[in-house]
mmCIF file of all heavy atoms, coordinates in Angstrom:
data_MODEL
# 
_entry.id   MODEL 
# 
loop_
_atom_site.group_PDB 
_atom_site.id 
_atom_site.type_symbol 
_atom_site.label_atom_id 
_atom_site.label_alt_id 
_atom_site.label_comp_id 
_atom_site.label_asym_id 
_atom_site.label_entity_id 
_atom_site.label_seq_id 
_atom_site.pdbx_PDB_ins_code 
_atom_site.Cartn_x 
_atom_site.Cartn_y 
_atom_site.Cartn_z 
_atom_site.occupancy 
_atom_site.B_iso_or_equiv 
_atom_site.pdbx_formal_charge 
_atom_site.auth_seq_id 
_atom_site.auth_comp_id 
_atom_site.auth_asym_id 
_atom_site.auth_atom_id 
_atom_site.pdbx_PDB_model_num 
ATOM 1   N N   . GLY A 1 1  ? 1.295   16.984 -17.445 1.00 0.00 ? 1  GLY A N   1 
ATOM 2   C CA  . GLY A 1 1  ? -0.131  17.046 -17.761 1.00 0.00 ? 1  GLY A CA  1 
ATOM 3   C C   . GLY A 1 1  ? -0.326  17.215 -19.255 1.00 0.00 ? 1  GLY A C   1 
ATOM 4   O O   . GLY A 1 1  ? 0.630   17.142 -20.026 1.00 0.00 ? 1  GLY A O   1 
ATOM 5   N N   . PRO A 1 2  ? -1.554  17.461 -19.680 1.00 0.00 ? 2  PRO A N   1 
ATOM 6   C CA  . PRO A 1 2  ? -1.838  17.588 -21.113 1.00 0.00 ? 2  PRO A CA  1 
ATOM 7   C C   . PRO A 1 2  ? -1.530  18.969 -21.686 1.00 0.00 ? 2  PRO A C   1 
ATOM 8   O O   . PRO A 1 2  ? -1.699  19.189 -22.884 1.00 0.00 ? 2  PRO A O   1 
ATOM 9   C CB  . PRO A 1 2  ? -3.341  17.291 -21.184 1.00 0.00 ? 2  PRO A CB  1 
ATOM 10  C CG  . PRO A 1 2  ? -3.860  17.783 -19.882 1.00 0.00 ? 2  PRO A CG  1 
ATOM 11  C CD  . PRO A 1 2  ? -2.784  17.460 -18.866 1.00 0.00 ? 2  PRO A CD  1 
ATOM 12  N N   . GLY A 1 3  ? -1.114  19.902 -20.840 1.00 0.00 ? 3  GLY A N   1 
ATOM 13  C CA  . GLY A 1 3  ? -0.772  21.226 -21.348 1.00 0.00 ? 3  GLY A CA  1 
ATOM 14  C C   . GLY A 1 3  ? -1.848  22.266 -21.129 1.00 0.00 ? 3  GLY A C   1 
ATOM 15  O O   . GLY A 1 3  ? -1.793  23.354 -21.716 1.00 0.00 ? 3  GLY A O   1 
ATOM 16  N N   . TYR A 1 4  ? -2.816  21.977 -20.277 1.00 0.00 ? 4  TYR A N   1 
ATOM 17  C CA  . TYR A 1 4  ? -3.870  22.947 -19.965 1.00 0.00 ? 4  TYR A CA  1 
ATOM 18  C C   . TYR A 1 4  ? -4.418  22.657 -18.573 1.00 0.00 ? 4  TYR A C   1 
ATOM 19  O O   . TYR A 1 4  ? -4.146  21.607 -17.987 1.00 0.00 ? 4  TYR A O   1 
ATOM 20  C CB  . TYR A 1 4  ? -4.999  22.893 -20.997 1.00 0.00 ? 4  TYR A CB  1 
ATOM 21  C CG  . TYR A 1 4  ? -5.670  21.541 -21.131 1.00 0.00 ? 4  TYR A CG  1 
ATOM 22  C CD1 . TYR A 1 4  ? -6.659  21.109 -20.238 1.00 0.00 ? 4  TYR A CD1 1 
ATOM 23  C CD2 . TYR A 1 4  ? -5.319  20.674 -22.164 1.00 0.00 ? 4  TYR A CD2 1 
ATOM 24  C CE1 . TYR A 1 4  ? -7.268  19.872 -20.357 1.00 0.00 ? 4  TYR A CE1 1 
ATOM 25  C CE2 . TYR A 1 4  ? -5.922  19.427 -22.294 1.00 0.00 ? 4  TYR A CE2 1 
ATOM 26  C CZ  . TYR A 1 4  ? -6.897  19.038 -21.394 1.00 0.00 ? 4  TYR A CZ  1 
ATOM 27  O OH  . TYR A 1 4  ? -7.498  17.810 -21.515 1.00 0.00 ? 4  TYR A OH  1 
ATOM 28  N N   . THR A 1 5  ? -5.170  23.612 -18.036 1.00 0.00 ? 5  THR A N   1 
ATOM 29  C CA  . THR A 1 5  ? -5.834  23.432 -16.745 1.00 0.00 ? 5  THR A CA  1 
ATOM 30  C C   . THR A 1 5  ? -7.344  23.518 -16.945 1.00 0.00 ? 5  THR A C   1 
ATOM 31  O O   . THR A 1 5  ? -7.814  23.853 -18.040 1.00 0.00 ? 5  THR A O   1 
ATOM 32  C CB  . THR A 1 5  ? -5.387  24.484 -15.722 1.00 0.00 ? 5  THR A CB  1 
ATOM 33  O OG1 . THR A 1 5  ? -5.679  25.796 -16.249 1.00 0.00 ? 5  THR A OG1 1 
ATOM 34  C CG2 . THR A 1 5  ? -3.890  24.383 -15.447 1.00 0.00 ? 5  THR A CG2 1 
ATOM 35  N N   . ILE A 1 6  ? -8.092  23.226 -15.874 1.00 0.00 ? 6  ILE A N   1 
ATOM 36  C CA  . ILE A 1 6  ? -9.555  23.244 -15.922 1.00 0.00 ? 6  ILE A CA  1 
ATOM 37  C C   . ILE A 1 6  ? -10.059 24.202 -14.843 1.00 0.00 ? 6  ILE A C   1 
ATOM 38  O O   . ILE A 1 6  ? -9.596  24.137 -13.699 1.00 0.00 ? 6  ILE A O   1 
ATOM 39  C CB  . ILE A 1 6  ? -10.142 21.838 -15.669 1.00 0.00 ? 6  ILE A CB  1 
ATOM 40  C CG1 . ILE A 1 6  ? -9.460  20.801 -16.570 1.00 0.00 ? 6  ILE A CG1 1 
ATOM 41  C CG2 . ILE A 1 6  ? -11.653 21.830 -15.897 1.00 0.00 ? 6  ILE A CG2 1 
ATOM 42  C CD1 . ILE A 1 6  ? -9.773  19.371 -16.180 1.00 0.00 ? 6  ILE A CD1 1 
ATOM 43  N N   . PRO A 1 7  ? -10.997 25.086 -15.168 1.00 0.00 ? 7  PRO A N   1 
ATOM 44  C CA  . PRO A 1 7  ? -11.541 25.983 -14.143 1.00 0.00 ? 7  PRO A CA  1 
ATOM 45  C C   . PRO A 1 7  ? -12.134 25.196 -12.976 1.00 0.00 ? 7  PRO A C   1 
ATOM 46  O O   . PRO A 1 7  ? -12.737 24.138 -13.168 1.00 0.00 ? 7  PRO A O   1 
ATOM 47  C CB  . PRO A 1 7  ? -12.636 26.762 -14.893 1.00 0.00 ? 7  PRO A CB  1 
ATOM 48  C CG  . PRO A 1 7  ? -12.215 26.700 -16.325 1.00 0.00 ? 7  PRO A CG  1 
ATOM 49  C CD  . PRO A 1 7  ? -11.573 25.353 -16.501 1.00 0.00 ? 7  PRO A CD  1 
ATOM 50  N N   . ALA A 1 8  ? -11.950 25.730 -11.773 1.00 0.00 ? 8  ALA A N   1 
ATOM 51  C CA  . ALA A 1 8  ? -12.432 25.038 -10.573 1.00 0.00 ? 8  ALA A CA  1 
ATOM 52  C C   . ALA A 1 8  ? -13.945 24.871 -10.589 1.00 0.00 ? 8  ALA A C   1 
ATOM 53  O O   . ALA A 1 8  ? -14.680 25.745 -11.062 1.00 0.00 ? 8  ALA A O   1 
ATOM 54  C CB  . ALA A 1 8  ? -12.013 25.813 -9.326  1.00 0.00 ? 8  ALA A CB  1 
ATOM 55  N N   . GLU A 1 9  ? -14.411 23.727 -10.100 1.00 0.00 ? 9  GLU A N   1 
ATOM 56  C CA  . GLU A 1 9  ? -15.842 23.446 -9.914  1.00 0.00 ? 9  GLU A CA  1 
ATOM 57  C C   . GLU A 1 9  ? -16.010 22.878 -8.498  1.00 0.00 ? 9  GLU A C   1 
ATOM 58  O O   . GLU A 1 9  ? -16.356 21.732 -8.298  1.00 0.00 ? 9  GLU A O   1 
ATOM 59  C CB  . GLU A 1 9  ? -16.343 22.447 -10.968 1.00 0.00 ? 9  GLU A CB  1 
ATOM 60  C CG  . GLU A 1 9  ? -16.278 22.991 -12.385 1.00 0.00 ? 9  GLU A CG  1 
ATOM 61  C CD  . GLU A 1 9  ? -16.702 21.977 -13.437 1.00 0.00 ? 9  GLU A CD  1 
ATOM 62  O OE1 . GLU A 1 9  ? -16.014 20.931 -13.550 1.00 0.00 ? 9  GLU A OE1 1 
ATOM 63  O OE2 . GLU A 1 9  ? -17.697 22.218 -14.126 1.00 0.00 ? 9  GLU A OE2 1 
ATOM 64  N N   . ILE A 1 10 ? -15.743 23.702 -7.528  1.00 0.00 ? 10 ILE A N   1 
ATOM 65  C CA  . ILE A 1 10 ? -15.696 23.282 -6.131  1.00 0.00 ? 10 ILE A CA  1 
ATOM 66  C C   . ILE A 1 10 ? -17.096 23.207 -5.544  1.00 0.00 ? 10 ILE A C   1 
ATOM 67  O O   . ILE A 1 10 ? -17.932 24.066 -5.803  1.00 0.00 ? 10 ILE A O   1 
ATOM 68  C CB  . ILE A 1 10 ? -14.820 24.263 -5.323  1.00 0.00 ? 10 ILE A CB  1 
ATOM 69  C CG1 . ILE A 1 10 ? -13.380 24.244 -5.875  1.00 0.00 ? 10 ILE A CG1 1 
ATOM 70  C CG2 . ILE A 1 10 ? -14.830 23.926 -3.838  1.00 0.00 ? 10 ILE A CG2 1 
ATOM 71  C CD1 . ILE A 1 10 ? -12.518 25.384 -5.395  1.00 0.00 ? 10 ILE A CD1 1 
ATOM 72  N N   . GLY A 1 11 ? -17.356 22.185 -4.753  1.00 0.00 ? 11 GLY A N   1 
ATOM 73  C CA  . GLY A 1 11 ? -18.675 22.065 -4.136  1.00 0.00 ? 11 GLY A CA  1 
ATOM 74  C C   . GLY A 1 11 ? -18.953 20.710 -3.527  1.00 0.00 ? 11 GLY A C   1 
ATOM 75  O O   . GLY A 1 11 ? -19.642 20.594 -2.519  1.00 0.00 ? 11 GLY A O   1 
ATOM 76  N N   . GLN A 1 12 ? -18.392 19.653 -4.126  1.00 0.00 ? 12 GLN A N   1 
ATOM 77  C CA  . GLN A 1 12 ? -18.623 18.305 -3.619  1.00 0.00 ? 12 GLN A CA  1 
ATOM 78  C C   . GLN A 1 12 ? -17.610 17.968 -2.518  1.00 0.00 ? 12 GLN A C   1 
ATOM 79  O O   . GLN A 1 12 ? -16.475 18.440 -2.535  1.00 0.00 ? 12 GLN A O   1 
ATOM 80  C CB  . GLN A 1 12 ? -18.518 17.279 -4.745  1.00 0.00 ? 12 GLN A CB  1 
ATOM 81  C CG  . GLN A 1 12 ? -19.493 17.536 -5.885  1.00 0.00 ? 12 GLN A CG  1 
ATOM 82  C CD  . GLN A 1 12 ? -20.928 17.601 -5.407  1.00 0.00 ? 12 GLN A CD  1 
ATOM 83  O OE1 . GLN A 1 12 ? -21.442 16.646 -4.829  1.00 0.00 ? 12 GLN A OE1 1 
ATOM 84  N NE2 . GLN A 1 12 ? -21.596 18.724 -5.653  1.00 0.00 ? 12 GLN A NE2 1 
ATOM 85  N N   . LYS A 1 13 ? -18.006 17.145 -1.580  1.00 0.00 ? 13 LYS A N   1 
ATOM 86  C CA  . LYS A 1 13 ? -17.164 16.830 -0.429  1.00 0.00 ? 13 LYS A CA  1 
ATOM 87  C C   . LYS A 1 13 ? -16.171 15.705 -0.718  1.00 0.00 ? 13 LYS A C   1 
ATOM 88  O O   . LYS A 1 13 ? -16.427 14.836 -1.538  1.00 0.00 ? 13 LYS A O   1 
ATOM 89  C CB  . LYS A 1 13 ? -18.033 16.463 0.769   1.00 0.00 ? 13 LYS A CB  1 
ATOM 90  C CG  . LYS A 1 13 ? -18.880 17.613 1.290   1.00 0.00 ? 13 LYS A CG  1 
ATOM 91  C CD  . LYS A 1 13 ? -19.597 17.229 2.559   1.00 0.00 ? 13 LYS A CD  1 
ATOM 92  C CE  . LYS A 1 13 ? -20.432 18.399 3.072   1.00 0.00 ? 13 LYS A CE  1 
ATOM 93  N NZ  . LYS A 1 13 ? -19.597 19.588 3.374   1.00 0.00 ? 13 LYS A NZ  1 
ATOM 94  N N   . HIS A 1 14 ? -15.059 15.763 -0.013  1.00 0.00 ? 14 HIS A N   1 
ATOM 95  C CA  . HIS A 1 14 ? -14.032 14.724 -0.091  1.00 0.00 ? 14 HIS A CA  1 
ATOM 96  C C   . HIS A 1 14 ? -14.388 13.600 0.877   1.00 0.00 ? 14 HIS A C   1 
ATOM 97  O O   . HIS A 1 14 ? -14.070 13.659 2.075   1.00 0.00 ? 14 HIS A O   1 
ATOM 98  C CB  . HIS A 1 14 ? -12.662 15.300 0.267   1.00 0.00 ? 14 HIS A CB  1 
ATOM 99  C CG  . HIS A 1 14 ? -12.046 16.136 -0.807  1.00 0.00 ? 14 HIS A CG  1 
ATOM 100 N ND1 . HIS A 1 14 ? -12.452 17.428 -1.070  1.00 0.00 ? 14 HIS A ND1 1 
ATOM 101 C CD2 . HIS A 1 14 ? -11.051 15.861 -1.692  1.00 0.00 ? 14 HIS A CD2 1 
ATOM 102 C CE1 . HIS A 1 14 ? -11.733 17.921 -2.061  1.00 0.00 ? 14 HIS A CE1 1 
ATOM 103 N NE2 . HIS A 1 14 ? -10.874 16.990 -2.465  1.00 0.00 ? 14 HIS A NE2 1 
ATOM 104 N N   . LEU A 1 15 ? -15.033 12.578 0.367   1.00 0.00 ? 15 LEU A N   1 
ATOM 105 C CA  . LEU A 1 15 ? -15.411 11.413 1.150   1.00 0.00 ? 15 LEU A CA  1 
ATOM 106 C C   . LEU A 1 15 ? -14.548 10.225 0.725   1.00 0.00 ? 15 LEU A C   1 
ATOM 107 O O   . LEU A 1 15 ? -13.862 10.286 -0.300  1.00 0.00 ? 15 LEU A O   1 
ATOM 108 C CB  . LEU A 1 15 ? -16.892 11.087 0.935   1.00 0.00 ? 15 LEU A CB  1 
ATOM 109 C CG  . LEU A 1 15 ? -17.878 12.238 1.206   1.00 0.00 ? 15 LEU A CG  1 
ATOM 110 C CD1 . LEU A 1 15 ? -19.289 11.813 0.840   1.00 0.00 ? 15 LEU A CD1 1 
ATOM 111 C CD2 . LEU A 1 15 ? -17.799 12.696 2.652   1.00 0.00 ? 15 LEU A CD2 1 
ATOM 112 N N   . ARG A 1 16 ? -14.563 9.172  1.505   1.00 0.00 ? 16 ARG A N   1 
ATOM 113 C CA  . ARG A 1 16 ? -13.844 7.960  1.090   1.00 0.00 ? 16 ARG A CA  1 
ATOM 114 C C   . ARG A 1 16 ? -14.353 7.534  -0.282  1.00 0.00 ? 16 ARG A C   1 
ATOM 115 O O   . ARG A 1 16 ? -15.567 7.390  -0.502  1.00 0.00 ? 16 ARG A O   1 
ATOM 116 C CB  . ARG A 1 16 ? -14.069 6.840  2.107   1.00 0.00 ? 16 ARG A CB  1 
ATOM 117 C CG  . ARG A 1 16 ? -13.504 5.485  1.671   1.00 0.00 ? 16 ARG A CG  1 
ATOM 118 C CD  . ARG A 1 16 ? -13.569 4.475  2.806   1.00 0.00 ? 16 ARG A CD  1 
ATOM 119 N NE  . ARG A 1 16 ? -13.426 3.105  2.329   1.00 0.00 ? 16 ARG A NE  1 
ATOM 120 C CZ  . ARG A 1 16 ? -12.269 2.515  2.030   1.00 0.00 ? 16 ARG A CZ  1 
ATOM 121 N NH1 . ARG A 1 16 ? -11.135 3.189  2.166   1.00 0.00 ? 16 ARG A NH1 1 
ATOM 122 N NH2 . ARG A 1 16 ? -12.234 1.262  1.615   1.00 0.00 ? 16 ARG A NH2 1 
ATOM 123 N N   . GLY A 1 17 ? -13.432 7.355  -1.234  1.00 0.00 ? 17 GLY A N   1 
ATOM 124 C CA  . GLY A 1 17 ? -13.791 6.969  -2.585  1.00 0.00 ? 17 GLY A CA  1 
ATOM 125 C C   . GLY A 1 17 ? -13.992 8.130  -3.538  1.00 0.00 ? 17 GLY A C   1 
ATOM 126 O O   . GLY A 1 17 ? -14.206 7.913  -4.736  1.00 0.00 ? 17 GLY A O   1 
ATOM 127 N N   . SER A 1 18 ? -13.912 9.356  -3.045  1.00 0.00 ? 18 SER A N   1 
ATOM 128 C CA  . SER A 1 18 ? -14.088 10.520 -3.939  1.00 0.00 ? 18 SER A CA  1 
ATOM 129 C C   . SER A 1 18 ? -12.946 10.609 -4.931  1.00 0.00 ? 18 SER A C   1 
ATOM 130 O O   . SER A 1 18 ? -11.779 10.349 -4.603  1.00 0.00 ? 18 SER A O   1 
ATOM 131 C CB  . SER A 1 18 ? -14.154 11.813 -3.120  1.00 0.00 ? 18 SER A CB  1 
ATOM 132 O OG  . SER A 1 18 ? -15.336 11.900 -2.374  1.00 0.00 ? 18 SER A OG  1 
ATOM 133 N N   . LEU A 1 19 ? -13.291 11.009 -6.155  1.00 0.00 ? 19 LEU A N   1 
ATOM 134 C CA  . LEU A 1 19 ? -12.318 11.269 -7.217  1.00 0.00 ? 19 LEU A CA  1 
ATOM 135 C C   . LEU A 1 19 ? -12.195 12.774 -7.367  1.00 0.00 ? 19 LEU A C   1 
ATOM 136 O O   . LEU A 1 19 ? -13.207 13.463 -7.558  1.00 0.00 ? 19 LEU A O   1 
ATOM 137 C CB  . LEU A 1 19 ? -12.803 10.653 -8.528  1.00 0.00 ? 19 LEU A CB  1 
ATOM 138 C CG  . LEU A 1 19 ? -12.022 11.011 -9.797  1.00 0.00 ? 19 LEU A CG  1 
ATOM 139 C CD1 . LEU A 1 19 ? -10.693 10.261 -9.834  1.00 0.00 ? 19 LEU A CD1 1 
ATOM 140 C CD2 . LEU A 1 19 ? -12.844 10.706 -11.043 1.00 0.00 ? 19 LEU A CD2 1 
ATOM 141 N N   . ALA A 1 20 ? -10.996 13.303 -7.261  1.00 0.00 ? 20 ALA A N   1 
ATOM 142 C CA  . ALA A 1 20 ? -10.816 14.753 -7.311  1.00 0.00 ? 20 ALA A CA  1 
ATOM 143 C C   . ALA A 1 20 ? -9.595  15.111 -8.151  1.00 0.00 ? 20 ALA A C   1 
ATOM 144 O O   . ALA A 1 20 ? -8.726  14.274 -8.410  1.00 0.00 ? 20 ALA A O   1 
ATOM 145 C CB  . ALA A 1 20 ? -10.671 15.320 -5.898  1.00 0.00 ? 20 ALA A CB  1 
ATOM 146 N N   . ALA A 1 21 ? -9.550  16.381 -8.549  1.00 0.00 ? 21 ALA A N   1 
ATOM 147 C CA  . ALA A 1 21 ? -8.471  16.861 -9.401  1.00 0.00 ? 21 ALA A CA  1 
ATOM 148 C C   . ALA A 1 21 ? -7.337  17.468 -8.585  1.00 0.00 ? 21 ALA A C   1 
ATOM 149 O O   . ALA A 1 21 ? -7.572  18.272 -7.678  1.00 0.00 ? 21 ALA A O   1 
ATOM 150 C CB  . ALA A 1 21 ? -9.004  17.906 -10.382 1.00 0.00 ? 21 ALA A CB  1 
ATOM 151 N N   . ALA A 1 22 ? -6.113  17.059 -8.897  1.00 0.00 ? 22 ALA A N   1 
ATOM 152 C CA  . ALA A 1 22 ? -4.944  17.679 -8.284  1.00 0.00 ? 22 ALA A CA  1 
ATOM 153 C C   . ALA A 1 22 ? -4.783  19.089 -8.870  1.00 0.00 ? 22 ALA A C   1 
ATOM 154 O O   . ALA A 1 22 ? -5.357  19.413 -9.914  1.00 0.00 ? 22 ALA A O   1 
ATOM 155 C CB  . ALA A 1 22 ? -3.700  16.841 -8.565  1.00 0.00 ? 22 ALA A CB  1 
ATOM 156 N N   . ARG A 1 23 ? -4.024  19.915 -8.187  1.00 0.00 ? 23 ARG A N   1 
ATOM 157 C CA  . ARG A 1 23 ? -3.773  21.263 -8.693  1.00 0.00 ? 23 ARG A CA  1 
ATOM 158 C C   . ARG A 1 23 ? -2.539  21.844 -8.026  1.00 0.00 ? 23 ARG A C   1 
ATOM 159 O O   . ARG A 1 23 ? -2.050  21.332 -7.014  1.00 0.00 ? 23 ARG A O   1 
ATOM 160 C CB  . ARG A 1 23 ? -4.973  22.170 -8.462  1.00 0.00 ? 23 ARG A CB  1 
ATOM 161 C CG  . ARG A 1 23 ? -5.301  22.450 -6.998  1.00 0.00 ? 23 ARG A CG  1 
ATOM 162 C CD  . ARG A 1 23 ? -6.392  23.495 -6.880  1.00 0.00 ? 23 ARG A CD  1 
ATOM 163 N NE  . ARG A 1 23 ? -6.805  23.763 -5.512  1.00 0.00 ? 23 ARG A NE  1 
ATOM 164 C CZ  . ARG A 1 23 ? -6.187  24.611 -4.694  1.00 0.00 ? 23 ARG A CZ  1 
ATOM 165 N NH1 . ARG A 1 23 ? -5.081  25.237 -5.098  1.00 0.00 ? 23 ARG A NH1 1 
ATOM 166 N NH2 . ARG A 1 23 ? -6.642  24.825 -3.463  1.00 0.00 ? 23 ARG A NH2 1 
ATOM 167 N N   . LEU A 1 24 ? -2.060  22.964 -8.577  1.00 0.00 ? 24 LEU A N   1 
ATOM 168 C CA  . LEU A 1 24 ? -0.940  23.679 -7.974  1.00 0.00 ? 24 LEU A CA  1 
ATOM 169 C C   . LEU A 1 24 ? -1.419  24.457 -6.753  1.00 0.00 ? 24 LEU A C   1 
ATOM 170 O O   . LEU A 1 24 ? -2.609  24.768 -6.631  1.00 0.00 ? 24 LEU A O   1 
ATOM 171 C CB  . LEU A 1 24 ? -0.320  24.628 -9.002  1.00 0.00 ? 24 LEU A CB  1 
ATOM 172 C CG  . LEU A 1 24 ? 0.384   23.963 -10.186 1.00 0.00 ? 24 LEU A CG  1 
ATOM 173 C CD1 . LEU A 1 24 ? 0.842   25.027 -11.182 1.00 0.00 ? 24 LEU A CD1 1 
ATOM 174 C CD2 . LEU A 1 24 ? 1.571   23.136 -9.717  1.00 0.00 ? 24 LEU A CD2 1 
ATOM 175 N N   . PRO A 1 25 ? -0.511  24.805 -5.836  1.00 0.00 ? 25 PRO A N   1 
ATOM 176 C CA  . PRO A 1 25 ? -0.894  25.522 -4.618  1.00 0.00 ? 25 PRO A CA  1 
ATOM 177 C C   . PRO A 1 25 ? -1.483  26.912 -4.892  1.00 0.00 ? 25 PRO A C   1 
ATOM 178 O O   . PRO A 1 25 ? -1.275  27.498 -5.961  1.00 0.00 ? 25 PRO A O   1 
ATOM 179 C CB  . PRO A 1 25 ? 0.437   25.648 -3.854  1.00 0.00 ? 25 PRO A CB  1 
ATOM 180 C CG  . PRO A 1 25 ? 1.322   24.595 -4.428  1.00 0.00 ? 25 PRO A CG  1 
ATOM 181 C CD  . PRO A 1 25 ? 0.921   24.465 -5.864  1.00 0.00 ? 25 PRO A CD  1 
ATOM 182 N N   . ASP A 1 26 ? -2.195  27.428 -3.895  1.00 0.00 ? 26 ASP A N   1 
ATOM 183 C CA  . ASP A 1 26 ? -2.852  28.731 -4.020  1.00 0.00 ? 26 ASP A CA  1 
ATOM 184 C C   . ASP A 1 26 ? -1.873  29.859 -4.342  1.00 0.00 ? 26 ASP A C   1 
ATOM 185 O O   . ASP A 1 26 ? -2.226  30.824 -5.027  1.00 0.00 ? 26 ASP A O   1 
ATOM 186 C CB  . ASP A 1 26 ? -3.589  29.084 -2.723  1.00 0.00 ? 26 ASP A CB  1 
ATOM 187 C CG  . ASP A 1 26 ? -4.788  28.180 -2.477  1.00 0.00 ? 26 ASP A CG  1 
ATOM 188 O OD1 . ASP A 1 26 ? -5.109  27.368 -3.354  1.00 0.00 ? 26 ASP A OD1 1 
ATOM 189 O OD2 . ASP A 1 26 ? -5.397  28.303 -1.399  1.00 0.00 ? 26 ASP A OD2 1 
ATOM 190 N N   . GLN A 1 27 ? -0.648  29.772 -3.833  1.00 0.00 ? 27 GLN A N   1 
ATOM 191 C CA  . GLN A 1 27 ? 0.316   30.854 -4.035  1.00 0.00 ? 27 GLN A CA  1 
ATOM 192 C C   . GLN A 1 27 ? 0.565   31.137 -5.511  1.00 0.00 ? 27 GLN A C   1 
ATOM 193 O O   . GLN A 1 27 ? 0.782   32.285 -5.909  1.00 0.00 ? 27 GLN A O   1 
ATOM 194 C CB  . GLN A 1 27 ? 1.657   30.523 -3.358  1.00 0.00 ? 27 GLN A CB  1 
ATOM 195 C CG  . GLN A 1 27 ? 1.576   30.381 -1.838  1.00 0.00 ? 27 GLN A CG  1 
ATOM 196 C CD  . GLN A 1 27 ? 1.332   28.950 -1.417  1.00 0.00 ? 27 GLN A CD  1 
ATOM 197 O OE1 . GLN A 1 27 ? 0.552   28.229 -2.048  1.00 0.00 ? 27 GLN A OE1 1 
ATOM 198 N NE2 . GLN A 1 27 ? 2.004   28.518 -0.353  1.00 0.00 ? 27 GLN A NE2 1 
# 
């Protein structure tokens, strides 16, 4: 990655065609 992360902005649904950010697991 570019060497940084982005704070979560959760709220939109995962529909066909949705663009979303990958991330590391909750653990």
